[in-house]
Amino acid sequence: MRTFINFLVFLFISISSINASADVLVLVHGYLASADSWEVTGINNTLDANGWKRGGLITSAPANIAPVLVGPGKDAENKVYVVDLPAEAPIIVQTDQLLAMLATIQALHPDESLVIVGHSAGGIVARTALVRGNIQNVKALITIASPHVGTTLANRALKATDESGMFGGIKSFFGGSGYDTLRRSRGLLFDLAHPYPGSLLYWLNAQRHPDIKYVSVVRLDPVGFAGDELVPGYSQDMNNVPSLHGSSSVIITPAGHTLVAEDGATLLQILNELYATKSEQDDSVT
């Protein structure tokens, strides 16, 4: 009898292991940031303490090669990968590199689902990757303070760094390092400006998106208006993307544009709700 019970216990554990859902969280940084943004803010510490272990760092590279710095949590049930993109490059350049990085991650974890998180411009890069690439096993896209329908500041920066005309060269001479950074970023700024026919956002926002879970984390400024110092609240909400209207959940967080430690708790809240929903769906099927 005891042998039979032990067999049943072994069978239950084996079946549970087969049905267990292991997932990969991919963190995509924004403009003028790096993969380290998730570390210095303490977000990775919060995730790690709650079961989402550091899986590794995927670095920028030419062609389809994406070097991996493996982390201690690579073989954990749930793990986190951070990617390091050329943050001043146009969206398409960053997207191509992200697609190579995601392919590398999926080669390391072929049977696991992806949850992608993008901060600021990183959310646009991630969304473009979902539309342009045939990425399999993506469960959700979470964006934080991303300018899905553009930002006026990008338009202003483009105007300020326009060196056409008789006195255009004077701007470069007196501009300084900040001006030089904006000049290098003009391709990206065009991509983040308000959509107009022929622009990347105009094209992207009309494309069919994958049938996955979408979550928009929208900032709330100190005065109480949705939005932050760089991106208005309506632009951070993916429901205002024509092809995603009504598809995104929205979470409003009291913070400025940059990542903060509290974003770790927000991500955990979203992940817990995501898996609770999945568990309820699985129970209804059985």
C-alpha atoms as a PDB file:
ATOM      1  CA  MET A   1       0.000   0.000   0.000  1.00  0.00           C
ATOM      2  CA  ARG A   2       2.780   2.419   0.949  1.00  0.00           C
ATOM      3  CA  THR A   3       4.560   1.640  -2.318  1.00  0.00           C
ATOM      4  CA  PHE A   4       1.404   2.453  -4.240  1.00  0.00           C
ATOM      5  CA  ILE A   5       0.998   5.778  -2.371  1.00  0.00           C
ATOM      6  CA  ASN A   6       4.646   6.648  -3.030  1.00  0.00           C
ATOM      7  CA  PHE A   7       4.068   5.938  -6.705  1.00  0.00           C
ATOM      8  CA  LEU A   8       1.057   8.272  -6.758  1.00  0.00           C
ATOM      9  CA  VAL A   9       3.086  11.019  -5.060  1.00  0.00           C
ATOM     10  CA  PHE A  10       5.908  10.542  -7.572  1.00  0.00           C
ATOM     11  CA  LEU A  11       3.387  10.640 -10.458  1.00  0.00           C
ATOM     12  CA  PHE A  12       1.778  13.838  -9.112  1.00  0.00           C
ATOM     13  CA  ILE A  13       5.149  15.577  -8.782  1.00  0.00           C
ATOM     14  CA  SER A  14       6.155  14.490 -12.266  1.00  0.00           C
ATOM     15  CA  ILE A  15       2.933  15.772 -13.812  1.00  0.00           C
ATOM     16  CA  SER A  16       3.219  19.037 -11.874  1.00  0.00           C
ATOM     17  CA  SER A  17       6.762  19.501 -13.153  1.00  0.00           C
ATOM     18  CA  ILE A  18       5.630  18.956 -16.726  1.00  0.00           C
ATOM     19  CA  ASN A  19       2.801  21.479 -16.386  1.00  0.00           C
ATOM     20  CA  ALA A  20       4.863  24.059 -14.467  1.00  0.00           C
ATOM     21  CA  SER A  21       5.155  27.340 -16.315  1.00  0.00           C
ATOM     22  CA  ALA A  22       8.668  28.752 -16.396  1.00  0.00           C
ATOM     23  CA  ASP A  23       8.961  32.205 -17.888  1.00  0.00           C
ATOM     24  CA  VAL A  24      11.541  34.791 -18.900  1.00  0.00           C
ATOM     25  CA  LEU A  25      11.207  38.492 -18.132  1.00  0.00           C
ATOM     26  CA  VAL A  26      13.084  40.706 -20.620  1.00  0.00           C
ATOM     27  CA  LEU A  27      13.840  44.290 -19.532  1.00  0.00           C
ATOM     28  CA  VAL A  28      14.413  46.891 -22.271  1.00  0.00           C
ATOM     29  CA  HIS A  29      15.861  50.266 -21.266  1.00  0.00           C
ATOM     30  CA  GLY A  30      15.042  53.657 -22.757  1.00  0.00           C
ATOM     31  CA  TYR A  31      16.773  56.652 -24.310  1.00  0.00           C
ATOM     32  CA  LEU A  32      20.146  57.695 -22.796  1.00  0.00           C
ATOM     33  CA  ALA A  33      19.946  54.681 -20.473  1.00  0.00           C
ATOM     34  CA  SER A  34      21.487  51.214 -20.355  1.00  0.00           C
ATOM     35  CA  ALA A  35      20.871  47.729 -19.046  1.00  0.00           C
ATOM     36  CA  ASP A  36      22.265  48.938 -15.722  1.00  0.00           C
ATOM     37  CA  SER A  37      19.194  51.164 -15.237  1.00  0.00           C
ATOM     38  CA  TRP A  38      17.245  48.208 -13.832  1.00  0.00           C
ATOM     39  CA  GLU A  39      20.067  47.431 -11.402  1.00  0.00           C
ATOM     40  CA  VAL A  40      20.916  50.846  -9.960  1.00  0.00           C
ATOM     41  CA  THR A  41      17.251  51.613  -9.244  1.00  0.00           C
ATOM     42  CA  GLY A  42      16.852  48.446  -7.181  1.00  0.00           C
ATOM     43  CA  ILE A  43      14.224  46.984  -9.530  1.00  0.00           C
ATOM     44  CA  ASN A  44      16.263  43.834 -10.103  1.00  0.00           C
ATOM     45  CA  ASN A  45      16.742  43.397  -6.360  1.00  0.00           C
ATOM     46  CA  THR A  46      12.973  43.474  -5.832  1.00  0.00           C
ATOM     47  CA  LEU A  47      12.370  41.017  -8.657  1.00  0.00           C
ATOM     48  CA  ASP A  48      15.135  38.695  -7.470  1.00  0.00           C
ATOM     49  CA  ALA A  49      13.805  38.662  -3.901  1.00  0.00           C
ATOM     50  CA  ASN A  50      10.424  37.580  -5.228  1.00  0.00           C
ATOM     51  CA  GLY A  51      11.469  34.664  -7.399  1.00  0.00           C
ATOM     52  CA  TRP A  52      12.521  36.393 -10.629  1.00  0.00           C
ATOM     53  CA  LYS A  53      16.239  35.622 -10.650  1.00  0.00           C
ATOM     54  CA  ARG A  54      18.957  37.329 -12.679  1.00  0.00           C
ATOM     55  CA  GLY A  55      19.294  35.221 -15.812  1.00  0.00           C
ATOM     56  CA  GLY A  56      21.850  37.335 -17.606  1.00  0.00           C
ATOM     57  CA  LEU A  57      22.789  40.324 -19.722  1.00  0.00           C
ATOM     58  CA  ILE A  58      22.474  40.373 -23.520  1.00  0.00           C
ATOM     59  CA  THR A  59      24.787  42.958 -25.085  1.00  0.00           C
ATOM     60  CA  SER A  60      24.642  44.862 -28.351  1.00  0.00           C
ATOM     61  CA  ALA A  61      26.373  43.240 -31.275  1.00  0.00           C
ATOM     62  CA  PRO A  62      26.487  43.362 -35.080  1.00  0.00           C
ATOM     63  CA  ALA A  63      24.456  41.048 -37.319  1.00  0.00           C
ATOM     64  CA  ASN A  64      22.658  38.224 -35.525  1.00  0.00           C
ATOM     65  CA  ILE A  65      25.229  37.672 -32.805  1.00  0.00           C
ATOM     66  CA  ALA A  66      24.112  38.607 -29.307  1.00  0.00           C
ATOM     67  CA  PRO A  67      26.773  37.918 -26.657  1.00  0.00           C
ATOM     68  CA  VAL A  68      25.410  36.704 -23.326  1.00  0.00           C
ATOM     69  CA  LEU A  69      26.785  37.345 -19.858  1.00  0.00           C
ATOM     70  CA  VAL A  70      25.092  34.557 -17.943  1.00  0.00           C
ATOM     71  CA  GLY A  71      23.731  35.371 -14.503  1.00  0.00           C
ATOM     72  CA  PRO A  72      23.322  33.166 -11.415  1.00  0.00           C
ATOM     73  CA  GLY A  73      19.608  32.666 -12.077  1.00  0.00           C
ATOM     74  CA  LYS A  74      19.862  31.294 -15.615  1.00  0.00           C
ATOM     75  CA  ASP A  75      18.386  27.958 -14.578  1.00  0.00           C
ATOM     76  CA  ALA A  76      15.805  29.338 -12.143  1.00  0.00           C
ATOM     77  CA  GLU A  77      12.129  28.665 -12.797  1.00  0.00           C
ATOM     78  CA  ASN A  78      11.529  32.354 -13.534  1.00  0.00           C
ATOM     79  CA  LYS A  79      14.436  34.481 -14.646  1.00  0.00           C
ATOM     80  CA  VAL A  80      15.178  38.033 -15.799  1.00  0.00           C
ATOM     81  CA  TYR A  81      17.344  39.090 -18.729  1.00  0.00           C
ATOM     82  CA  VAL A  82      18.386  42.690 -19.292  1.00  0.00           C
ATOM     83  CA  VAL A  83      19.386  43.882 -22.754  1.00  0.00           C
ATOM     84  CA  ASP A  84      21.881  46.613 -23.614  1.00  0.00           C
ATOM     85  CA  LEU A  85      20.846  48.516 -26.745  1.00  0.00           C
ATOM     86  CA  PRO A  86      22.430  51.471 -28.604  1.00  0.00           C
ATOM     87  CA  ALA A  87      20.164  53.986 -26.857  1.00  0.00           C
ATOM     88  CA  GLU A  88      20.748  56.897 -29.258  1.00  0.00           C
ATOM     89  CA  ALA A  89      20.065  54.887 -32.418  1.00  0.00           C
ATOM     90  CA  PRO A  90      16.815  55.007 -34.435  1.00  0.00           C
ATOM     91  CA  ILE A  91      14.045  52.640 -33.383  1.00  0.00           C
ATOM     92  CA  ILE A  92      14.561  50.241 -36.298  1.00  0.00           C
ATOM     93  CA  VAL A  93      18.270  49.847 -35.490  1.00  0.00           C
ATOM     94  CA  GLN A  94      17.466  49.072 -31.868  1.00  0.00           C
ATOM     95  CA  THR A  95      14.622  46.780 -32.927  1.00  0.00           C
ATOM     96  CA  ASP A  96      16.869  44.660 -35.139  1.00  0.00           C
ATOM     97  CA  GLN A  97      19.295  44.201 -32.257  1.00  0.00           C
ATOM     98  CA  LEU A  98      16.484  43.400 -29.821  1.00  0.00           C
ATOM     99  CA  LEU A  99      15.123  40.748 -32.180  1.00  0.00           C
ATOM    100  CA  ALA A 100      18.560  39.096 -32.270  1.00  0.00           C
ATOM    101  CA  MET A 101      18.725  39.258 -28.476  1.00  0.00           C
ATOM    102  CA  LEU A 102      15.270  37.725 -28.076  1.00  0.00           C
ATOM    103  CA  ALA A 103      16.279  34.936 -30.459  1.00  0.00           C
ATOM    104  CA  THR A 104      19.316  34.283 -28.278  1.00  0.00           C
ATOM    105  CA  ILE A 105      17.175  34.144 -25.145  1.00  0.00           C
ATOM    106  CA  GLN A 106      14.713  31.783 -26.772  1.00  0.00           C
ATOM    107  CA  ALA A 107      17.550  29.542 -27.924  1.00  0.00           C
ATOM    108  CA  LEU A 108      18.643  29.299 -24.280  1.00  0.00           C
ATOM    109  CA  HIS A 109      15.076  28.715 -23.056  1.00  0.00           C
ATOM    110  CA  PRO A 110      13.172  27.236 -26.028  1.00  0.00           C
ATOM    111  CA  ASP A 111      10.082  26.067 -24.138  1.00  0.00           C
ATOM    112  CA  GLU A 112       9.518  29.146 -21.984  1.00  0.00           C
ATOM    113  CA  SER A 113       7.292  32.173 -22.474  1.00  0.00           C
ATOM    114  CA  LEU A 114       8.510  35.759 -22.664  1.00  0.00           C
ATOM    115  CA  VAL A 115       7.190  38.783 -20.820  1.00  0.00           C
ATOM    116  CA  ILE A 116       8.765  41.938 -22.255  1.00  0.00           C
ATOM    117  CA  VAL A 117       9.052  45.197 -20.295  1.00  0.00           C
ATOM    118  CA  GLY A 118      10.082  48.422 -22.029  1.00  0.00           C
ATOM    119  CA  HIS A 119      10.781  51.766 -20.365  1.00  0.00           C
ATOM    120  CA  SER A 120      10.284  54.979 -22.340  1.00  0.00           C
ATOM    121  CA  ALA A 121      11.651  54.538 -25.890  1.00  0.00           C
ATOM    122  CA  GLY A 122      12.350  50.909 -24.965  1.00  0.00           C
ATOM    123  CA  GLY A 123       8.605  50.319 -25.009  1.00  0.00           C
ATOM    124  CA  ILE A 124       8.457  51.525 -28.615  1.00  0.00           C
ATOM    125  CA  VAL A 125      11.424  49.319 -29.526  1.00  0.00           C
ATOM    126  CA  ALA A 126       9.721  46.304 -27.919  1.00  0.00           C
ATOM    127  CA  ARG A 127       6.392  46.998 -29.629  1.00  0.00           C
ATOM    128  CA  THR A 128       8.111  47.417 -33.000  1.00  0.00           C
ATOM    129  CA  ALA A 129       9.881  44.102 -32.460  1.00  0.00           C
ATOM    130  CA  LEU A 130       6.548  42.385 -31.773  1.00  0.00           C
ATOM    131  CA  VAL A 131       5.095  43.770 -35.013  1.00  0.00           C
ATOM    132  CA  ARG A 132       8.125  43.240 -37.259  1.00  0.00           C
ATOM    133  CA  GLY A 133       9.442  39.959 -35.884  1.00  0.00           C
ATOM    134  CA  ASN A 134       7.761  36.582 -35.705  1.00  0.00           C
ATOM    135  CA  ILE A 135       8.453  36.175 -31.987  1.00  0.00           C
ATOM    136  CA  GLN A 136       6.957  33.028 -30.527  1.00  0.00           C
ATOM    137  CA  ASN A 137       5.699  32.408 -26.983  1.00  0.00           C
ATOM    138  CA  VAL A 138       5.299  36.037 -25.943  1.00  0.00           C
ATOM    139  CA  LYS A 139       2.857  36.304 -23.054  1.00  0.00           C
ATOM    140  CA  ALA A 140       2.749  40.059 -22.421  1.00  0.00           C
ATOM    141  CA  LEU A 141       4.188  43.488 -23.175  1.00  0.00           C
ATOM    142  CA  ILE A 142       4.480  45.958 -20.301  1.00  0.00           C
ATOM    143  CA  THR A 143       5.520  49.528 -21.090  1.00  0.00           C
ATOM    144  CA  ILE A 144       6.527  52.188 -18.580  1.00  0.00           C
ATOM    145  CA  ALA A 145       6.184  55.880 -19.547  1.00  0.00           C
ATOM    146  CA  SER A 146       6.530  55.090 -23.267  1.00  0.00           C
ATOM    147  CA  PRO A 147       5.559  57.719 -25.897  1.00  0.00           C
ATOM    148  CA  HIS A 148       3.265  55.505 -27.963  1.00  0.00           C
ATOM    149  CA  VAL A 149       1.720  58.446 -29.800  1.00  0.00           C
ATOM    150  CA  GLY A 150       4.793  60.648 -29.592  1.00  0.00           C
ATOM    151  CA  THR A 151       5.977  63.503 -27.424  1.00  0.00           C
ATOM    152  CA  THR A 152       6.134  67.226 -28.094  1.00  0.00           C
ATOM    153  CA  LEU A 153       9.634  67.367 -26.584  1.00  0.00           C
ATOM    154  CA  ALA A 154      10.945  65.246 -29.463  1.00  0.00           C
ATOM    155  CA  ASN A 155       9.438  67.743 -31.903  1.00  0.00           C
ATOM    156  CA  ARG A 156      11.042  70.623 -30.003  1.00  0.00           C
ATOM    157  CA  ALA A 157      14.431  68.916 -29.893  1.00  0.00           C
ATOM    158  CA  LEU A 158      14.322  68.341 -33.639  1.00  0.00           C
ATOM    159  CA  LYS A 159      13.568  71.995 -34.223  1.00  0.00           C
ATOM    160  CA  ALA A 160      16.295  73.121 -31.819  1.00  0.00           C
ATOM    161  CA  THR A 161      18.924  70.955 -33.536  1.00  0.00           C
ATOM    162  CA  ASP A 162      17.961  71.793 -37.107  1.00  0.00           C
ATOM    163  CA  GLU A 163      21.149  73.245 -38.626  1.00  0.00           C
ATOM    164  CA  SER A 164      19.712  74.143 -42.000  1.00  0.00           C
ATOM    165  CA  GLY A 165      19.779  77.755 -43.043  1.00  0.00           C
ATOM    166  CA  MET A 166      22.411  80.471 -42.902  1.00  0.00           C
ATOM    167  CA  PHE A 167      23.146  80.325 -39.190  1.00  0.00           C
ATOM    168  CA  GLY A 168      22.652  76.607 -38.588  1.00  0.00           C
ATOM    169  CA  GLY A 169      26.320  75.902 -37.928  1.00  0.00           C
ATOM    170  CA  ILE A 170      26.392  78.363 -35.049  1.00  0.00           C
ATOM    171  CA  LYS A 171      24.170  76.046 -33.001  1.00  0.00           C
ATOM    172  CA  SER A 172      26.741  73.272 -33.180  1.00  0.00           C
ATOM    173  CA  PHE A 173      29.588  75.624 -32.226  1.00  0.00           C
ATOM    174  CA  PHE A 174      27.880  76.926 -29.088  1.00  0.00           C
ATOM    175  CA  GLY A 175      25.667  73.944 -28.286  1.00  0.00           C
ATOM    176  CA  GLY A 176      27.850  71.895 -25.951  1.00  0.00           C
ATOM    177  CA  SER A 177      27.710  68.183 -25.109  1.00  0.00           C
ATOM    178  CA  GLY A 178      23.938  68.102 -24.552  1.00  0.00           C
ATOM    179  CA  TYR A 179      23.342  69.600 -27.956  1.00  0.00           C
ATOM    180  CA  ASP A 180      25.767  67.116 -29.518  1.00  0.00           C
ATOM    181  CA  THR A 181      23.846  64.237 -27.910  1.00  0.00           C
ATOM    182  CA  LEU A 182      20.582  65.485 -29.371  1.00  0.00           C
ATOM    183  CA  ARG A 183      22.201  65.861 -32.788  1.00  0.00           C
ATOM    184  CA  ARG A 184      23.411  62.255 -32.654  1.00  0.00           C
ATOM    185  CA  SER A 185      19.906  61.199 -31.633  1.00  0.00           C
ATOM    186  CA  ARG A 186      17.970  62.985 -34.380  1.00  0.00           C
ATOM    187  CA  GLY A 187      17.014  59.720 -36.085  1.00  0.00           C
ATOM    188  CA  LEU A 188      15.501  58.475 -32.823  1.00  0.00           C
ATOM    189  CA  LEU A 189      13.834  61.821 -32.143  1.00  0.00           C
ATOM    190  CA  PHE A 190      12.092  61.654 -35.522  1.00  0.00           C
ATOM    191  CA  ASP A 191      10.772  58.241 -34.465  1.00  0.00           C
ATOM    192  CA  LEU A 192       9.475  59.590 -31.131  1.00  0.00           C
ATOM    193  CA  ALA A 193       7.854  62.750 -32.513  1.00  0.00           C
ATOM    194  CA  HIS A 194       4.083  62.918 -32.922  1.00  0.00           C
ATOM    195  CA  PRO A 195       2.977  60.584 -35.730  1.00  0.00           C
ATOM    196  CA  TYR A 196       2.725  61.998 -39.229  1.00  0.00           C
ATOM    197  CA  PRO A 197       2.366  60.230 -42.605  1.00  0.00           C
ATOM    198  CA  GLY A 198       5.633  58.489 -43.350  1.00  0.00           C
ATOM    199  CA  SER A 199       6.891  58.419 -39.755  1.00  0.00           C
ATOM    200  CA  LEU A 200       7.642  55.251 -37.815  1.00  0.00           C
ATOM    201  CA  LEU A 201       4.923  55.794 -35.199  1.00  0.00           C
ATOM    202  CA  TYR A 202       2.371  56.548 -37.917  1.00  0.00           C
ATOM    203  CA  TRP A 203       3.187  53.200 -39.521  1.00  0.00           C
ATOM    204  CA  LEU A 204       3.586  51.235 -36.292  1.00  0.00           C
ATOM    205  CA  ASN A 205       0.345  52.397 -34.719  1.00  0.00           C
ATOM    206  CA  ALA A 206      -1.652  51.191 -37.712  1.00  0.00           C
ATOM    207  CA  GLN A 207      -0.151  47.687 -37.727  1.00  0.00           C
ATOM    208  CA  ARG A 208      -1.821  44.566 -36.398  1.00  0.00           C
ATOM    209  CA  HIS A 209      -0.288  43.586 -33.063  1.00  0.00           C
ATOM    210  CA  PRO A 210       0.047  40.099 -31.576  1.00  0.00           C
ATOM    211  CA  ASP A 211      -2.846  38.813 -29.466  1.00  0.00           C
ATOM    212  CA  ILE A 212      -1.090  39.036 -26.090  1.00  0.00           C
ATOM    213  CA  LYS A 213      -1.577  40.869 -22.812  1.00  0.00           C
ATOM    214  CA  TYR A 214      -0.742  44.597 -22.894  1.00  0.00           C
ATOM    215  CA  VAL A 215      -0.152  46.733 -19.802  1.00  0.00           C
ATOM    216  CA  SER A 216       0.549  50.480 -19.848  1.00  0.00           C
ATOM    217  CA  VAL A 217       2.247  51.940 -16.771  1.00  0.00           C
ATOM    218  CA  VAL A 218       1.348  55.635 -16.879  1.00  0.00           C
ATOM    219  CA  ARG A 219       3.095  58.229 -14.727  1.00  0.00           C
ATOM    220  CA  LEU A 220       1.210  60.725 -12.567  1.00  0.00           C
ATOM    221  CA  ASP A 221       2.998  64.029 -12.040  1.00  0.00           C
ATOM    222  CA  PRO A 222       2.998  65.856  -8.667  1.00  0.00           C
ATOM    223  CA  VAL A 223       0.235  68.219  -9.776  1.00  0.00           C
ATOM    224  CA  GLY A 224      -2.057  65.266 -10.402  1.00  0.00           C
ATOM    225  CA  PHE A 225      -2.118  65.186 -14.201  1.00  0.00           C
ATOM    226  CA  ALA A 226      -1.466  61.915 -15.989  1.00  0.00           C
ATOM    227  CA  GLY A 227       1.957  62.109 -17.556  1.00  0.00           C
ATOM    228  CA  ASP A 228       5.439  63.244 -16.631  1.00  0.00           C
ATOM    229  CA  GLU A 229       7.969  65.896 -17.573  1.00  0.00           C
ATOM    230  CA  LEU A 230       8.754  64.228 -20.911  1.00  0.00           C
ATOM    231  CA  VAL A 231       5.713  62.262 -22.092  1.00  0.00           C
ATOM    232  CA  PRO A 232       2.036  63.182 -21.630  1.00  0.00           C
ATOM    233  CA  GLY A 233      -0.204  60.593 -20.032  1.00  0.00           C
ATOM    234  CA  TYR A 234      -2.366  59.969 -23.103  1.00  0.00           C
ATOM    235  CA  SER A 235       0.754  59.016 -25.065  1.00  0.00           C
ATOM    236  CA  GLN A 236       1.826  56.522 -22.385  1.00  0.00           C
ATOM    237  CA  ASP A 237      -1.499  54.666 -22.695  1.00  0.00           C
ATOM    238  CA  MET A 238      -1.434  51.993 -25.407  1.00  0.00           C
ATOM    239  CA  ASN A 239      -5.229  52.247 -25.682  1.00  0.00           C
ATOM    240  CA  ASN A 240      -4.594  55.454 -27.650  1.00  0.00           C
ATOM    241  CA  VAL A 241      -2.768  53.457 -30.317  1.00  0.00           C
ATOM    242  CA  PRO A 242      -5.458  52.931 -33.001  1.00  0.00           C
ATOM    243  CA  SER A 243      -4.645  49.255 -33.549  1.00  0.00           C
ATOM    244  CA  LEU A 244      -4.589  48.533 -29.787  1.00  0.00           C
ATOM    245  CA  HIS A 245      -7.612  50.554 -28.672  1.00  0.00           C
ATOM    246  CA  GLY A 246      -9.244  48.836 -25.689  1.00  0.00           C
ATOM    247  CA  SER A 247      -6.553  46.144 -25.473  1.00  0.00           C
ATOM    248  CA  SER A 248      -4.325  47.493 -22.702  1.00  0.00           C
ATOM    249  CA  SER A 249      -4.683  47.494 -18.950  1.00  0.00           C
ATOM    250  CA  VAL A 250      -3.534  50.741 -17.327  1.00  0.00           C
ATOM    251  CA  ILE A 251      -1.691  51.262 -14.048  1.00  0.00           C
ATOM    252  CA  ILE A 252      -1.008  54.815 -12.885  1.00  0.00           C
ATOM    253  CA  THR A 253       2.087  55.349 -10.740  1.00  0.00           C
ATOM    254  CA  PRO A 254       3.153  58.567  -8.952  1.00  0.00           C
ATOM    255  CA  ALA A 255       6.617  59.144 -10.387  1.00  0.00           C
ATOM    256  CA  GLY A 256       8.576  61.143 -12.938  1.00  0.00           C
ATOM    257  CA  HIS A 257       9.777  59.796 -16.252  1.00  0.00           C
ATOM    258  CA  THR A 258      12.825  57.877 -15.042  1.00  0.00           C
ATOM    259  CA  LEU A 259      12.727  54.422 -13.533  1.00  0.00           C
ATOM    260  CA  VAL A 260      12.346  54.290  -9.744  1.00  0.00           C
ATOM    261  CA  ALA A 261      12.647  51.545  -7.144  1.00  0.00           C
ATOM    262  CA  GLU A 262       8.857  51.346  -6.808  1.00  0.00           C
ATOM    263  CA  ASP A 263       8.656  50.104 -10.391  1.00  0.00           C
ATOM    264  CA  GLY A 264       9.893  46.759  -9.087  1.00  0.00           C
ATOM    265  CA  ALA A 265       6.779  46.405  -6.917  1.00  0.00           C
ATOM    266  CA  THR A 266       4.585  47.545  -9.825  1.00  0.00           C
ATOM    267  CA  LEU A 267       6.058  44.876 -12.084  1.00  0.00           C
ATOM    268  CA  LEU A 268       5.478  42.224  -9.424  1.00  0.00           C
ATOM    269  CA  GLN A 269       1.858  43.338  -9.115  1.00  0.00           C
ATOM    270  CA  ILE A 270       1.394  43.022 -12.871  1.00  0.00           C
ATOM    271  CA  LEU A 271       3.106  39.633 -12.985  1.00  0.00           C
ATOM    272  CA  ASN A 272       1.020  38.304 -10.096  1.00  0.00           C
ATOM    273  CA  GLU A 273      -2.184  39.427 -11.830  1.00  0.00           C
ATOM    274  CA  LEU A 274      -0.980  37.981 -15.116  1.00  0.00           C
ATOM    275  CA  TYR A 275      -0.355  34.575 -13.587  1.00  0.00           C
ATOM    276  CA  ALA A 276      -3.533  34.679 -11.504  1.00  0.00           C
ATOM    277  CA  THR A 277      -5.507  35.256 -14.702  1.00  0.00           C
ATOM    278  CA  LYS A 278      -3.667  32.417 -16.435  1.00  0.00           C
ATOM    279  CA  SER A 279      -4.346  30.091 -13.492  1.00  0.00           C
ATOM    280  CA  GLU A 280      -8.049  30.927 -13.556  1.00  0.00           C
ATOM    281  CA  GLN A 281      -8.168  30.264 -17.300  1.00  0.00           C
ATOM    282  CA  ASP A 282      -6.415  26.921 -16.847  1.00  0.00           C
ATOM    283  CA  ASP A 283      -8.872  25.954 -14.079  1.00  0.00           C
ATOM    284  CA  SER A 284     -11.861  26.837 -16.275  1.00  0.00           C
ATOM    285  CA  VAL A 285     -10.492  24.629 -19.058  1.00  0.00           C
ATOM    286  CA  THR A 286     -10.018  21.643 -16.756  1.00  0.00           C
END
